[in-house]
């Protein structure tokens, strides 16, 4: 249940911040927060990350529904006693649904977090849902690495017990 609450919090924050941007800023308007590093920039994206697959809404609808079903399945079946795994999936679920809401009702995703001059690179504009998806994927990778190490250790310990008999 806690992982669904994480998803709901992400969806709420994501949609609230996007609503604020849409209602209070003109498209393309940029407000410096930290000069030459971080701006709030009103931007729209009709594609996926970094503007890929522009205008392919039906593709995004189908993929998102499939991803959401898979995430819910894994939350229901495989997160008991695995808080890192559950948190990762909850963040990913919230992020996926947050951007899905935009695509469904606006036919585009509202982006507004804009980091510039990161080692000479201007990072693409993104939003809270994108951030949750990214952090969720990073946590999932960490979980998978730790889980693999745990499984190897258990296998090794199991072999040591059977050879000592």
N, C-alpha and C. Protein backbone atom coordinates (compact mmCIF):
# COMPACT_ATOMS: atom_id res chain seq x y z
N UNK A 1 0.82 -1.20 0.00
CA UNK A 1 0.00 0.00 0.00
C UNK A 1 0.86 1.26 0.00
N UNK A 2 1.98 1.23 0.73
CA UNK A 2 2.83 2.41 0.83
C UNK A 2 3.39 2.81 -0.54
N UNK A 3 3.60 1.83 -1.41
CA UNK A 3 4.16 2.13 -2.72
C UNK A 3 3.15 2.84 -3.62
N UNK A 4 1.88 2.57 -3.41
CA UNK A 4 0.83 3.30 -4.12
C UNK A 4 0.72 4.73 -3.59
N UNK A 5 0.97 4.89 -2.30
CA UNK A 5 0.97 6.25 -1.71
C UNK A 5 2.11 7.05 -2.30
N UNK A 6 3.28 6.44 -2.45
CA UNK A 6 4.41 7.12 -3.10
C UNK A 6 4.00 7.56 -4.50
N UNK A 7 3.38 6.66 -5.24
CA UNK A 7 2.93 6.99 -6.61
C UNK A 7 1.94 8.15 -6.58
N UNK A 8 0.98 8.12 -5.67
CA UNK A 8 -0.02 9.19 -5.57
C UNK A 8 0.61 10.53 -5.21
N UNK A 9 1.59 10.51 -4.33
CA UNK A 9 2.29 11.75 -3.96
C UNK A 9 3.02 12.32 -5.18
N UNK A 10 3.70 11.46 -5.92
CA UNK A 10 4.40 11.91 -7.14
C UNK A 10 3.40 12.48 -8.13
N UNK A 11 2.30 11.79 -8.37
CA UNK A 11 1.28 12.28 -9.30
C UNK A 11 0.76 13.64 -8.85
N UNK A 12 0.46 13.77 -7.57
CA UNK A 12 -0.06 15.03 -7.04
C UNK A 12 0.91 16.18 -7.20
N UNK A 13 2.16 15.97 -6.80
CA UNK A 13 3.18 17.03 -6.93
C UNK A 13 3.40 17.36 -8.40
N UNK A 14 3.49 16.33 -9.23
CA UNK A 14 3.71 16.52 -10.66
C UNK A 14 2.59 17.36 -11.28
N UNK A 15 1.36 16.96 -11.05
CA UNK A 15 0.24 17.67 -11.67
C UNK A 15 0.07 19.07 -11.10
N UNK A 16 0.31 19.26 -9.80
CA UNK A 16 0.22 20.60 -9.21
C UNK A 16 1.27 21.53 -9.81
N UNK A 17 2.50 21.07 -9.91
CA UNK A 17 3.56 21.93 -10.46
C UNK A 17 3.30 22.24 -11.93
N UNK A 18 2.83 21.27 -12.68
CA UNK A 18 2.51 21.51 -14.09
C UNK A 18 1.36 22.51 -14.23
N UNK A 19 0.35 22.39 -13.39
CA UNK A 19 -0.79 23.31 -13.40
C UNK A 19 -0.30 24.74 -13.12
N UNK A 20 0.59 24.88 -12.13
CA UNK A 20 1.13 26.21 -11.79
C UNK A 20 1.87 26.79 -13.00
N UNK A 21 2.67 25.98 -13.66
CA UNK A 21 3.42 26.46 -14.83
C UNK A 21 2.46 26.88 -15.93
N UNK A 22 1.48 26.06 -16.26
CA UNK A 22 0.53 26.37 -17.34
C UNK A 22 -0.24 27.64 -17.02
N UNK A 23 -0.66 27.82 -15.77
CA UNK A 23 -1.50 28.96 -15.40
C UNK A 23 -0.70 30.26 -15.20
N UNK A 24 0.58 30.16 -14.86
CA UNK A 24 1.30 31.38 -14.49
C UNK A 24 2.42 31.79 -15.44
N UNK A 25 2.73 30.97 -16.43
CA UNK A 25 3.84 31.30 -17.33
C UNK A 25 3.41 31.17 -18.79
N UNK A 26 3.97 32.01 -19.62
CA UNK A 26 3.78 31.89 -21.07
C UNK A 26 4.70 30.79 -21.58
N UNK A 27 4.27 30.10 -22.62
CA UNK A 27 5.10 29.07 -23.24
C UNK A 27 6.41 29.71 -23.69
N UNK A 28 7.52 29.11 -23.31
CA UNK A 28 8.84 29.63 -23.66
C UNK A 28 9.42 30.58 -22.62
N UNK A 29 8.59 31.07 -21.71
CA UNK A 29 9.08 31.97 -20.66
C UNK A 29 10.03 31.22 -19.74
N UNK A 30 11.08 31.90 -19.29
CA UNK A 30 12.09 31.28 -18.44
C UNK A 30 12.42 32.20 -17.28
N UNK A 31 12.39 31.67 -16.08
CA UNK A 31 12.70 32.42 -14.87
C UNK A 31 13.98 31.86 -14.27
N UNK A 32 15.04 32.67 -14.20
CA UNK A 32 16.28 32.17 -13.60
C UNK A 32 16.10 31.95 -12.09
N UNK A 33 16.51 30.80 -11.62
CA UNK A 33 16.51 30.50 -10.19
C UNK A 33 17.95 30.62 -9.69
N UNK A 34 18.86 29.97 -10.41
CA UNK A 34 20.30 30.13 -10.19
C UNK A 34 20.88 30.49 -11.55
N UNK A 35 21.26 31.74 -11.70
CA UNK A 35 21.70 32.26 -13.00
C UNK A 35 22.74 31.34 -13.65
N UNK A 36 22.55 31.08 -14.94
CA UNK A 36 23.44 30.25 -15.75
C UNK A 36 23.56 28.80 -15.25
N UNK A 37 22.55 28.33 -14.47
CA UNK A 37 22.58 26.94 -14.03
C UNK A 37 21.18 26.32 -13.99
N UNK A 38 20.21 26.98 -13.33
CA UNK A 38 18.88 26.41 -13.17
C UNK A 38 17.81 27.47 -13.41
N UNK A 39 16.89 27.13 -14.32
CA UNK A 39 15.78 28.01 -14.66
C UNK A 39 14.47 27.23 -14.60
N UNK A 40 13.40 27.94 -14.31
CA UNK A 40 12.06 27.39 -14.50
C UNK A 40 11.64 27.88 -15.89
N UNK A 41 11.47 26.95 -16.81
CA UNK A 41 11.18 27.29 -18.21
C UNK A 41 9.91 26.56 -18.64
N UNK A 42 8.93 27.32 -19.11
CA UNK A 42 7.68 26.73 -19.59
C UNK A 42 7.91 26.13 -20.98
N UNK A 43 7.82 24.80 -21.04
CA UNK A 43 8.12 24.06 -22.27
C UNK A 43 7.09 22.96 -22.44
N UNK A 44 6.81 22.57 -23.68
CA UNK A 44 5.90 21.46 -23.96
C UNK A 44 6.61 20.43 -24.82
N UNK A 45 6.27 19.18 -24.59
CA UNK A 45 6.91 18.08 -25.31
C UNK A 45 5.82 17.13 -25.80
N UNK A 46 5.75 16.94 -27.10
CA UNK A 46 4.77 16.01 -27.68
C UNK A 46 5.39 14.64 -27.92
N UNK A 47 6.59 14.42 -27.40
CA UNK A 47 7.26 13.14 -27.59
C UNK A 47 7.66 12.54 -26.26
N UNK A 48 8.72 11.73 -26.31
CA UNK A 48 9.26 11.10 -25.11
C UNK A 48 10.47 11.91 -24.65
N UNK A 49 11.32 11.28 -23.88
CA UNK A 49 12.51 11.95 -23.36
C UNK A 49 13.30 12.61 -24.49
N UNK A 50 13.74 13.81 -24.25
CA UNK A 50 14.54 14.59 -25.19
C UNK A 50 13.81 14.79 -26.52
N UNK A 51 12.47 14.74 -26.47
CA UNK A 51 11.68 15.03 -27.66
C UNK A 51 11.61 13.91 -28.69
N UNK A 52 12.06 12.72 -28.34
CA UNK A 52 12.01 11.60 -29.29
C UNK A 52 10.56 11.21 -29.56
N UNK A 53 10.31 10.67 -30.73
CA UNK A 53 9.00 10.15 -31.14
C UNK A 53 7.89 11.20 -31.03
N UNK A 54 8.17 12.40 -31.50
CA UNK A 54 7.20 13.49 -31.47
C UNK A 54 5.88 13.09 -32.10
N UNK A 55 4.78 13.39 -31.39
CA UNK A 55 3.45 13.22 -31.93
C UNK A 55 2.93 11.78 -31.98
N UNK A 56 3.61 10.84 -31.40
CA UNK A 56 3.20 9.43 -31.44
C UNK A 56 2.34 9.09 -30.22
N UNK A 57 1.24 9.83 -30.02
CA UNK A 57 0.43 9.70 -28.81
C UNK A 57 -0.12 8.29 -28.61
N UNK A 58 -0.63 7.64 -29.65
CA UNK A 58 -1.18 6.30 -29.47
C UNK A 58 -0.11 5.32 -28.99
N UNK A 59 1.09 5.47 -29.49
CA UNK A 59 2.21 4.65 -29.04
C UNK A 59 2.42 4.84 -27.54
N UNK A 60 2.42 6.11 -27.10
CA UNK A 60 2.64 6.40 -25.68
C UNK A 60 1.49 5.90 -24.81
N UNK A 61 0.26 6.01 -25.31
CA UNK A 61 -0.89 5.50 -24.56
C UNK A 61 -0.74 4.01 -24.33
N UNK A 62 -0.45 3.27 -25.38
CA UNK A 62 -0.34 1.81 -25.28
C UNK A 62 0.82 1.40 -24.39
N UNK A 63 1.98 1.98 -24.62
CA UNK A 63 3.17 1.64 -23.83
C UNK A 63 2.93 1.96 -22.36
N UNK A 64 2.35 3.12 -22.08
CA UNK A 64 2.14 3.50 -20.68
C UNK A 64 1.17 2.56 -19.98
N UNK A 65 0.08 2.20 -20.64
CA UNK A 65 -0.88 1.26 -20.03
C UNK A 65 -0.19 -0.07 -19.74
N UNK A 66 0.60 -0.57 -20.67
CA UNK A 66 1.32 -1.83 -20.46
C UNK A 66 2.29 -1.69 -19.29
N UNK A 67 3.05 -0.61 -19.25
CA UNK A 67 4.02 -0.38 -18.18
C UNK A 67 3.32 -0.28 -16.82
N UNK A 68 2.22 0.46 -16.77
CA UNK A 68 1.48 0.60 -15.51
C UNK A 68 0.96 -0.74 -15.02
N UNK A 69 0.43 -1.56 -15.91
CA UNK A 69 -0.06 -2.90 -15.53
C UNK A 69 1.09 -3.74 -14.98
N UNK A 70 2.22 -3.70 -15.65
CA UNK A 70 3.39 -4.48 -15.20
C UNK A 70 3.88 -3.98 -13.84
N UNK A 71 3.95 -2.66 -13.66
CA UNK A 71 4.39 -2.10 -12.38
C UNK A 71 3.45 -2.51 -11.25
N UNK A 72 2.15 -2.42 -11.49
CA UNK A 72 1.17 -2.82 -10.47
C UNK A 72 1.31 -4.31 -10.15
N UNK A 73 1.48 -5.13 -11.17
CA UNK A 73 1.67 -6.57 -10.94
C UNK A 73 2.88 -6.81 -10.03
N UNK A 74 4.01 -6.17 -10.35
CA UNK A 74 5.22 -6.38 -9.55
C UNK A 74 5.08 -5.82 -8.15
N UNK A 75 4.39 -4.69 -8.00
CA UNK A 75 4.15 -4.15 -6.66
C UNK A 75 3.32 -5.15 -5.85
N UNK A 76 2.29 -5.70 -6.46
CA UNK A 76 1.41 -6.64 -5.77
C UNK A 76 2.11 -7.96 -5.41
N UNK A 77 2.95 -8.46 -6.31
CA UNK A 77 3.48 -9.82 -6.17
C UNK A 77 4.90 -9.92 -5.61
N UNK A 78 5.71 -8.85 -5.73
CA UNK A 78 7.14 -9.04 -5.46
C UNK A 78 7.78 -8.00 -4.54
N UNK A 79 7.02 -7.17 -3.88
CA UNK A 79 7.65 -6.12 -3.07
C UNK A 79 7.62 -6.41 -1.57
N UNK A 80 6.92 -7.46 -1.16
CA UNK A 80 6.86 -7.78 0.27
C UNK A 80 8.27 -8.04 0.80
N UNK A 81 8.65 -7.27 1.80
CA UNK A 81 9.99 -7.40 2.37
C UNK A 81 11.10 -6.82 1.52
N UNK A 82 10.74 -6.09 0.48
CA UNK A 82 11.72 -5.49 -0.43
C UNK A 82 11.42 -3.99 -0.60
N UNK A 83 11.67 -3.17 0.43
CA UNK A 83 11.30 -1.76 0.36
C UNK A 83 12.01 -0.97 -0.74
N UNK A 84 13.24 -1.30 -1.05
CA UNK A 84 13.95 -0.60 -2.12
C UNK A 84 13.27 -0.87 -3.46
N UNK A 85 12.94 -2.12 -3.71
CA UNK A 85 12.25 -2.51 -4.94
C UNK A 85 10.88 -1.83 -5.03
N UNK A 86 10.13 -1.87 -3.94
CA UNK A 86 8.81 -1.25 -3.92
C UNK A 86 8.86 0.25 -4.12
N UNK A 87 9.82 0.90 -3.50
CA UNK A 87 9.97 2.35 -3.67
C UNK A 87 10.31 2.69 -5.11
N UNK A 88 11.21 1.92 -5.70
CA UNK A 88 11.57 2.14 -7.11
C UNK A 88 10.33 2.01 -8.00
N UNK A 89 9.55 0.97 -7.79
CA UNK A 89 8.35 0.75 -8.60
C UNK A 89 7.29 1.83 -8.34
N UNK A 90 7.15 2.26 -7.10
CA UNK A 90 6.20 3.32 -6.77
C UNK A 90 6.56 4.63 -7.45
N UNK A 91 7.84 4.98 -7.45
CA UNK A 91 8.30 6.19 -8.15
C UNK A 91 8.05 6.08 -9.65
N UNK A 92 8.36 4.92 -10.21
CA UNK A 92 8.16 4.72 -11.64
C UNK A 92 6.67 4.78 -11.99
N UNK A 93 5.84 4.19 -11.15
CA UNK A 93 4.39 4.21 -11.38
C UNK A 93 3.86 5.64 -11.35
N UNK A 94 4.26 6.41 -10.35
CA UNK A 94 3.82 7.80 -10.25
C UNK A 94 4.28 8.63 -11.43
N UNK A 95 5.52 8.44 -11.84
CA UNK A 95 6.05 9.18 -12.99
C UNK A 95 5.35 8.83 -14.28
N UNK A 96 5.12 7.54 -14.49
CA UNK A 96 4.44 7.10 -15.71
C UNK A 96 3.02 7.66 -15.78
N UNK A 97 2.30 7.59 -14.67
CA UNK A 97 0.93 8.10 -14.66
C UNK A 97 0.90 9.62 -14.77
N UNK A 98 1.85 10.31 -14.14
CA UNK A 98 1.91 11.77 -14.23
C UNK A 98 2.02 12.25 -15.66
N UNK A 99 2.93 11.68 -16.42
CA UNK A 99 3.07 12.08 -17.82
C UNK A 99 1.92 11.57 -18.68
N UNK A 100 1.35 10.41 -18.32
CA UNK A 100 0.20 9.89 -19.05
C UNK A 100 -0.99 10.84 -18.95
N UNK A 101 -1.21 11.40 -17.77
CA UNK A 101 -2.30 12.36 -17.58
C UNK A 101 -2.13 13.54 -18.54
N UNK A 102 -0.91 14.06 -18.65
CA UNK A 102 -0.65 15.17 -19.58
C UNK A 102 -0.96 14.76 -21.02
N UNK A 103 -0.46 13.62 -21.42
CA UNK A 103 -0.67 13.17 -22.81
C UNK A 103 -2.15 12.97 -23.10
N UNK A 104 -2.86 12.43 -22.12
CA UNK A 104 -4.28 12.16 -22.31
C UNK A 104 -5.11 13.44 -22.41
N UNK A 105 -4.85 14.41 -21.54
CA UNK A 105 -5.69 15.61 -21.46
C UNK A 105 -5.14 16.81 -22.22
N UNK A 106 -3.81 16.86 -22.45
CA UNK A 106 -3.22 18.00 -23.15
C UNK A 106 -2.63 17.63 -24.51
N UNK A 107 -2.46 16.34 -24.78
CA UNK A 107 -1.78 15.83 -25.97
C UNK A 107 -0.33 16.31 -26.03
N UNK A 108 0.22 16.65 -24.89
CA UNK A 108 1.63 17.03 -24.75
C UNK A 108 1.98 16.99 -23.27
N UNK A 109 3.27 16.94 -22.98
CA UNK A 109 3.74 16.90 -21.60
C UNK A 109 4.31 18.26 -21.24
N UNK A 110 3.91 18.76 -20.08
CA UNK A 110 4.41 20.04 -19.59
C UNK A 110 5.74 19.79 -18.89
N UNK A 111 6.78 20.46 -19.37
CA UNK A 111 8.11 20.39 -18.76
C UNK A 111 8.49 21.78 -18.27
N UNK A 112 9.33 21.85 -17.23
CA UNK A 112 9.68 23.17 -16.71
C UNK A 112 11.00 23.24 -15.95
N UNK A 113 11.59 22.14 -15.58
CA UNK A 113 12.87 22.16 -14.87
C UNK A 113 13.99 22.18 -15.90
N UNK A 114 14.80 23.23 -15.88
CA UNK A 114 15.78 23.42 -16.93
C UNK A 114 17.16 23.73 -16.33
N UNK A 115 18.05 22.76 -16.45
CA UNK A 115 19.43 22.93 -15.98
C UNK A 115 20.32 23.21 -17.18
N UNK A 116 21.14 24.22 -17.05
CA UNK A 116 22.04 24.62 -18.13
C UNK A 116 23.48 24.63 -17.64
N UNK A 117 24.38 24.58 -18.58
CA UNK A 117 25.81 24.66 -18.30
C UNK A 117 26.28 23.62 -17.29
N UNK A 118 25.84 22.38 -17.48
CA UNK A 118 26.34 21.28 -16.66
C UNK A 118 27.50 20.68 -17.44
N UNK A 119 28.70 21.06 -17.07
CA UNK A 119 29.91 20.67 -17.78
C UNK A 119 29.79 21.04 -19.26
N UNK A 120 29.21 22.22 -19.52
CA UNK A 120 29.06 22.71 -20.88
C UNK A 120 27.85 22.17 -21.62
N UNK A 121 27.00 21.42 -20.93
CA UNK A 121 25.83 20.80 -21.56
C UNK A 121 24.55 21.43 -21.03
N UNK A 122 23.65 21.78 -21.93
CA UNK A 122 22.33 22.27 -21.54
C UNK A 122 21.38 21.09 -21.52
N UNK A 123 21.00 20.66 -20.34
CA UNK A 123 20.16 19.49 -20.17
C UNK A 123 18.75 19.79 -20.68
N UNK A 124 18.09 18.84 -21.35
CA UNK A 124 16.72 19.06 -21.81
C UNK A 124 15.78 19.38 -20.64
N UNK A 125 14.77 20.18 -20.91
CA UNK A 125 13.79 20.56 -19.91
C UNK A 125 12.97 19.32 -19.53
N UNK A 126 12.70 19.16 -18.23
CA UNK A 126 11.97 17.98 -17.75
C UNK A 126 11.01 18.38 -16.64
N UNK A 127 10.36 17.40 -16.01
CA UNK A 127 9.37 17.69 -14.97
C UNK A 127 9.51 16.72 -13.80
N UNK A 128 8.59 16.81 -12.85
CA UNK A 128 8.63 15.97 -11.65
C UNK A 128 8.43 14.49 -12.01
N UNK A 129 7.50 14.20 -12.93
CA UNK A 129 7.27 12.81 -13.34
C UNK A 129 8.53 12.21 -13.95
N UNK A 130 9.20 12.98 -14.79
CA UNK A 130 10.46 12.50 -15.39
C UNK A 130 11.50 12.22 -14.31
N UNK A 131 11.56 13.10 -13.32
CA UNK A 131 12.52 12.92 -12.22
C UNK A 131 12.21 11.65 -11.44
N UNK A 132 10.92 11.43 -11.14
CA UNK A 132 10.52 10.23 -10.41
C UNK A 132 10.85 8.97 -11.20
N UNK A 133 10.59 8.99 -12.50
CA UNK A 133 10.94 7.85 -13.35
C UNK A 133 12.43 7.57 -13.31
N UNK A 134 13.23 8.62 -13.43
CA UNK A 134 14.69 8.47 -13.44
C UNK A 134 15.20 7.93 -12.11
N UNK A 135 14.74 8.51 -11.01
CA UNK A 135 15.17 8.04 -9.68
C UNK A 135 14.68 6.60 -9.47
N UNK A 136 13.46 6.30 -9.91
CA UNK A 136 12.95 4.94 -9.79
C UNK A 136 13.80 3.93 -10.54
N UNK A 137 14.20 4.27 -11.75
CA UNK A 137 15.05 3.37 -12.55
C UNK A 137 16.41 3.19 -11.88
N UNK A 138 16.98 4.27 -11.36
CA UNK A 138 18.27 4.18 -10.66
C UNK A 138 18.15 3.28 -9.43
N UNK A 139 17.07 3.46 -8.66
CA UNK A 139 16.86 2.60 -7.49
C UNK A 139 16.63 1.15 -7.90
N UNK A 140 15.94 0.93 -9.01
CA UNK A 140 15.73 -0.42 -9.52
C UNK A 140 17.06 -1.08 -9.88
N UNK A 141 17.93 -0.35 -10.53
CA UNK A 141 19.26 -0.88 -10.88
C UNK A 141 20.04 -1.21 -9.62
N UNK A 142 20.01 -0.32 -8.63
CA UNK A 142 20.70 -0.58 -7.36
C UNK A 142 20.13 -1.84 -6.70
N UNK A 143 18.79 -1.94 -6.68
CA UNK A 143 18.15 -3.12 -6.10
C UNK A 143 18.60 -4.39 -6.82
N UNK A 144 18.63 -4.35 -8.14
CA UNK A 144 19.01 -5.53 -8.91
C UNK A 144 20.45 -5.94 -8.62
N UNK A 145 21.34 -4.98 -8.50
CA UNK A 145 22.74 -5.28 -8.18
C UNK A 145 22.84 -5.90 -6.79
N UNK A 146 22.18 -5.28 -5.81
CA UNK A 146 22.22 -5.80 -4.44
C UNK A 146 21.57 -7.18 -4.35
N UNK A 147 20.46 -7.37 -5.05
CA UNK A 147 19.76 -8.65 -5.04
C UNK A 147 20.63 -9.75 -5.66
N UNK A 148 21.31 -9.42 -6.74
CA UNK A 148 22.20 -10.38 -7.38
C UNK A 148 23.34 -10.78 -6.44
N UNK A 149 23.90 -9.79 -5.74
CA UNK A 149 24.97 -10.09 -4.78
C UNK A 149 24.45 -10.97 -3.65
N UNK A 150 23.24 -10.67 -3.16
CA UNK A 150 22.64 -11.46 -2.09
C UNK A 150 22.41 -12.89 -2.56
N UNK A 151 21.91 -13.06 -3.77
CA UNK A 151 21.67 -14.40 -4.31
C UNK A 151 22.96 -15.18 -4.48
N UNK A 152 24.03 -14.52 -4.95
CA UNK A 152 25.32 -15.19 -5.09
C UNK A 152 25.86 -15.62 -3.73
N UNK A 153 25.72 -14.74 -2.73
CA UNK A 153 26.20 -15.06 -1.39
C UNK A 153 25.42 -16.23 -0.82
N UNK A 154 24.09 -16.21 -0.98
CA UNK A 154 23.27 -17.32 -0.49
C UNK A 154 23.63 -18.62 -1.18
N UNK A 155 23.87 -18.57 -2.47
CA UNK A 155 24.26 -19.77 -3.22
C UNK A 155 25.60 -20.29 -2.73
N UNK A 156 26.55 -19.35 -2.54
CA UNK A 156 27.87 -19.73 -2.07
C UNK A 156 27.78 -20.32 -0.65
N UNK A 157 27.01 -19.67 0.23
CA UNK A 157 26.83 -20.19 1.58
C UNK A 157 26.16 -21.56 1.56
N UNK A 158 25.19 -21.74 0.67
CA UNK A 158 24.49 -23.03 0.53
C UNK A 158 25.44 -24.13 0.06
N UNK A 159 26.33 -23.80 -0.86
CA UNK A 159 27.30 -24.79 -1.35
C UNK A 159 28.28 -25.15 -0.26
N UNK A 160 28.67 -24.19 0.56
CA UNK A 160 29.59 -24.44 1.66
C UNK A 160 28.99 -25.36 2.70
N UNK A 161 27.70 -25.21 2.94
CA UNK A 161 27.00 -26.07 3.91
C UNK A 161 26.90 -27.49 3.38
N UNK A 162 26.59 -27.65 2.09
CA UNK A 162 26.41 -29.01 1.54
C UNK A 162 27.74 -29.74 1.40
N UNK A 163 28.83 -29.01 1.18
CA UNK A 163 30.13 -29.69 1.03
C UNK A 163 30.74 -30.06 2.38
N UNK A 164 30.26 -29.45 3.46
CA UNK A 164 30.83 -29.76 4.77
C UNK A 164 30.14 -30.97 5.42
N UNK A 165 29.10 -31.49 4.79
CA UNK A 165 28.38 -32.65 5.39
C UNK A 165 29.08 -33.93 5.10
